[in-house]
Amino acid sequence: MSPGGYYLPSGHMFVDHLGQPLTTRHLRESAHSLMRSLGMRQVRLHDARHNCLTFLAVNGFEDVVLAAWAGHVSPSFTKRVYVRPGPEDLRAASEHLTVLLGFGDESAT
């Protein structure tokens, strides 16, 4: 215990000043503080999770890999809730399909 007697060893690696495990609130507040100090637009950290899983999905990773990465049991839940293809993903898929079907001239790009 610290001289003040308030610190309680918890066995966790990442703890606050009292020895309590850090939570997602701590991470969010620290990240938002850093964003403010750097003059950056404040964004939700959870959006990074969606973006990461979308990136993996549109780059061909299997649904079970996405679910494992996210810590989910159900691959269908992960795809339904977290994967959000954007316009650039749809455009790339359209261009790829055009070439596969022989409608596009690959040399024109």
C-alpha atoms as a PDB file:
ATOM      1  CA  MET A   1       0.000   0.000   0.000  1.00  0.00           C
ATOM      2  CA  SER A   2       1.061   3.561  -0.640  1.00  0.00           C
ATOM      3  CA  PRO A   3       1.826   5.882   2.259  1.00  0.00           C
ATOM      4  CA  GLY A   4      -1.690   7.293   1.953  1.00  0.00           C
ATOM      5  CA  GLY A   5      -3.170   3.812   2.142  1.00  0.00           C
ATOM      6  CA  TYR A   6      -5.482   4.331  -0.837  1.00  0.00           C
ATOM      7  CA  TYR A   7      -3.640   2.336  -3.499  1.00  0.00           C
ATOM      8  CA  LEU A   8      -4.852  -1.244  -3.715  1.00  0.00           C
ATOM      9  CA  PRO A   9      -2.771  -3.687  -5.778  1.00  0.00           C
ATOM     10  CA  SER A  10      -5.148  -5.401  -8.177  1.00  0.00           C
ATOM     11  CA  GLY A  11      -2.811  -7.546 -10.236  1.00  0.00           C
ATOM     12  CA  HIS A  12      -3.879  -5.693 -13.399  1.00  0.00           C
ATOM     13  CA  MET A  13      -1.245  -4.221 -15.675  1.00  0.00           C
ATOM     14  CA  PHE A  14      -3.062  -0.973 -16.529  1.00  0.00           C
ATOM     15  CA  VAL A  15      -4.486   0.769 -13.488  1.00  0.00           C
ATOM     16  CA  ASP A  16      -5.420   4.238 -12.330  1.00  0.00           C
ATOM     17  CA  HIS A  17      -3.734   6.130  -9.496  1.00  0.00           C
ATOM     18  CA  LEU A  18      -5.611   4.022  -6.924  1.00  0.00           C
ATOM     19  CA  GLY A  19      -4.718   0.679  -8.487  1.00  0.00           C
ATOM     20  CA  GLN A  20      -8.157   0.106 -10.006  1.00  0.00           C
ATOM     21  CA  PRO A  21      -8.256  -1.447 -13.504  1.00  0.00           C
ATOM     22  CA  LEU A  22      -8.630   1.045 -16.325  1.00  0.00           C
ATOM     23  CA  THR A  23     -11.966   1.051 -18.101  1.00  0.00           C
ATOM     24  CA  THR A  24     -13.086   2.069 -21.564  1.00  0.00           C
ATOM     25  CA  ARG A  25     -14.139   5.379 -19.984  1.00  0.00           C
ATOM     26  CA  HIS A  26     -10.494   6.067 -19.057  1.00  0.00           C
ATOM     27  CA  LEU A  27      -9.386   5.284 -22.603  1.00  0.00           C
ATOM     28  CA  ARG A  28     -12.106   7.463 -24.139  1.00  0.00           C
ATOM     29  CA  GLU A  29     -11.385  10.425 -21.847  1.00  0.00           C
ATOM     30  CA  SER A  30      -7.630  10.201 -22.466  1.00  0.00           C
ATOM     31  CA  ALA A  31      -8.090   9.960 -26.211  1.00  0.00           C
ATOM     32  CA  HIS A  32     -10.536  12.884 -26.302  1.00  0.00           C
ATOM     33  CA  SER A  33      -8.187  14.970 -24.171  1.00  0.00           C
ATOM     34  CA  LEU A  34      -5.343  14.239 -26.571  1.00  0.00           C
ATOM     35  CA  MET A  35      -7.537  15.096 -29.576  1.00  0.00           C
ATOM     36  CA  ARG A  36      -8.451  18.441 -27.976  1.00  0.00           C
ATOM     37  CA  SER A  37      -4.838  19.276 -27.107  1.00  0.00           C
ATOM     38  CA  LEU A  38      -3.794  18.541 -30.711  1.00  0.00           C
ATOM     39  CA  GLY A  39      -6.656  20.616 -32.109  1.00  0.00           C
ATOM     40  CA  MET A  40      -8.181  17.575 -33.756  1.00  0.00           C
ATOM     41  CA  ARG A  41     -11.852  16.914 -34.319  1.00  0.00           C
ATOM     42  CA  GLN A  42     -13.170  14.704 -31.528  1.00  0.00           C
ATOM     43  CA  VAL A  43     -14.283  11.313 -32.846  1.00  0.00           C
ATOM     44  CA  ARG A  44     -15.760   8.264 -31.202  1.00  0.00           C
ATOM     45  CA  LEU A  45     -13.174   5.536 -30.622  1.00  0.00           C
ATOM     46  CA  HIS A  46     -15.851   2.916 -31.254  1.00  0.00           C
ATOM     47  CA  ASP A  47     -16.019   4.105 -34.864  1.00  0.00           C
ATOM     48  CA  ALA A  48     -12.445   2.851 -35.291  1.00  0.00           C
ATOM     49  CA  ARG A  49     -13.722  -0.628 -34.430  1.00  0.00           C
ATOM     50  CA  HIS A  50     -16.342  -0.400 -37.189  1.00  0.00           C
ATOM     51  CA  ASN A  51     -13.754   0.918 -39.648  1.00  0.00           C
ATOM     52  CA  CYS A  52     -11.249  -1.821 -38.817  1.00  0.00           C
ATOM     53  CA  LEU A  53     -13.814  -4.602 -39.232  1.00  0.00           C
ATOM     54  CA  THR A  54     -15.139  -3.071 -42.458  1.00  0.00           C
ATOM     55  CA  PHE A  55     -11.592  -2.820 -43.812  1.00  0.00           C
ATOM     56  CA  LEU A  56     -10.910  -6.481 -42.987  1.00  0.00           C
ATOM     57  CA  ALA A  57     -14.244  -7.583 -44.497  1.00  0.00           C
ATOM     58  CA  VAL A  58     -13.829  -5.753 -47.800  1.00  0.00           C
ATOM     59  CA  ASN A  59     -10.288  -7.083 -48.055  1.00  0.00           C
ATOM     60  CA  GLY A  60     -11.465 -10.676 -48.013  1.00  0.00           C
ATOM     61  CA  PHE A  61     -11.086 -11.837 -44.425  1.00  0.00           C
ATOM     62  CA  GLU A  62     -13.477 -14.598 -43.427  1.00  0.00           C
ATOM     63  CA  ASP A  63     -16.483 -13.810 -41.236  1.00  0.00           C
ATOM     64  CA  VAL A  64     -15.196 -16.078 -38.458  1.00  0.00           C
ATOM     65  CA  VAL A  65     -11.926 -14.104 -38.401  1.00  0.00           C
ATOM     66  CA  LEU A  66     -13.868 -10.837 -38.108  1.00  0.00           C
ATOM     67  CA  ALA A  67     -15.912 -12.219 -35.220  1.00  0.00           C
ATOM     68  CA  ALA A  68     -12.813 -13.502 -33.433  1.00  0.00           C
ATOM     69  CA  TRP A  69     -11.039 -10.160 -33.941  1.00  0.00           C
ATOM     70  CA  ALA A  70     -14.041  -8.361 -32.416  1.00  0.00           C
ATOM     71  CA  GLY A  71     -14.427 -10.880 -29.593  1.00  0.00           C
ATOM     72  CA  HIS A  72     -17.851 -11.983 -30.793  1.00  0.00           C
ATOM     73  CA  VAL A  73     -19.305 -15.485 -30.864  1.00  0.00           C
ATOM     74  CA  SER A  74     -21.542 -14.877 -33.869  1.00  0.00           C
ATOM     75  CA  PRO A  75     -19.958 -13.998 -37.231  1.00  0.00           C
ATOM     76  CA  SER A  76     -23.369 -12.949 -38.560  1.00  0.00           C
ATOM     77  CA  PHE A  77     -23.765 -10.455 -35.688  1.00  0.00           C
ATOM     78  CA  THR A  78     -20.337  -8.980 -36.427  1.00  0.00           C
ATOM     79  CA  LYS A  79     -21.118  -8.548 -40.125  1.00  0.00           C
ATOM     80  CA  ARG A  80     -24.608  -7.178 -39.507  1.00  0.00           C
ATOM     81  CA  VAL A  81     -23.638  -4.652 -36.821  1.00  0.00           C
ATOM     82  CA  TYR A  82     -20.032  -3.690 -37.522  1.00  0.00           C
ATOM     83  CA  VAL A  83     -19.328  -3.990 -41.237  1.00  0.00           C
ATOM     84  CA  ARG A  84     -20.416  -0.878 -43.152  1.00  0.00           C
ATOM     85  CA  PRO A  85     -19.070  -0.740 -46.702  1.00  0.00           C
ATOM     86  CA  GLY A  86     -18.842   2.794 -48.007  1.00  0.00           C
ATOM     87  CA  PRO A  87     -19.166   4.263 -51.493  1.00  0.00           C
ATOM     88  CA  GLU A  88     -15.494   3.628 -52.268  1.00  0.00           C
ATOM     89  CA  ASP A  89     -15.921  -0.064 -51.406  1.00  0.00           C
ATOM     90  CA  LEU A  90     -18.981  -0.337 -53.648  1.00  0.00           C
ATOM     91  CA  ARG A  91     -17.167   1.468 -56.477  1.00  0.00           C
ATOM     92  CA  ALA A  92     -14.198  -0.907 -56.228  1.00  0.00           C
ATOM     93  CA  ALA A  93     -16.538  -3.917 -56.266  1.00  0.00           C
ATOM     94  CA  SER A  94     -18.360  -2.523 -59.305  1.00  0.00           C
ATOM     95  CA  GLU A  95     -15.102  -1.951 -61.180  1.00  0.00           C
ATOM     96  CA  HIS A  96     -13.901  -5.449 -60.332  1.00  0.00           C
ATOM     97  CA  LEU A  97     -17.178  -7.010 -61.476  1.00  0.00           C
ATOM     98  CA  THR A  98     -17.097  -4.995 -64.714  1.00  0.00           C
ATOM     99  CA  VAL A  99     -13.663  -6.420 -65.518  1.00  0.00           C
ATOM    100  CA  LEU A 100     -14.665  -9.962 -64.514  1.00  0.00           C
ATOM    101  CA  LEU A 101     -17.689  -9.836 -66.810  1.00  0.00           C
ATOM    102  CA  GLY A 102     -15.594  -8.518 -69.678  1.00  0.00           C
ATOM    103  CA  PHE A 103     -17.401  -5.193 -69.970  1.00  0.00           C
ATOM    104  CA  GLY A 104     -14.458  -3.027 -69.026  1.00  0.00           C
ATOM    105  CA  ASP A 105     -11.239  -2.239 -70.800  1.00  0.00           C
ATOM    106  CA  GLU A 106      -8.503  -2.833 -68.209  1.00  0.00           C
ATOM    107  CA  SER A 107      -5.954  -0.960 -70.325  1.00  0.00           C
ATOM    108  CA  ALA A 108      -8.012   2.251 -70.146  1.00  0.00           C
ATOM    109  CA  THR A 109      -7.249   2.714 -66.448  1.00  0.00           C
END
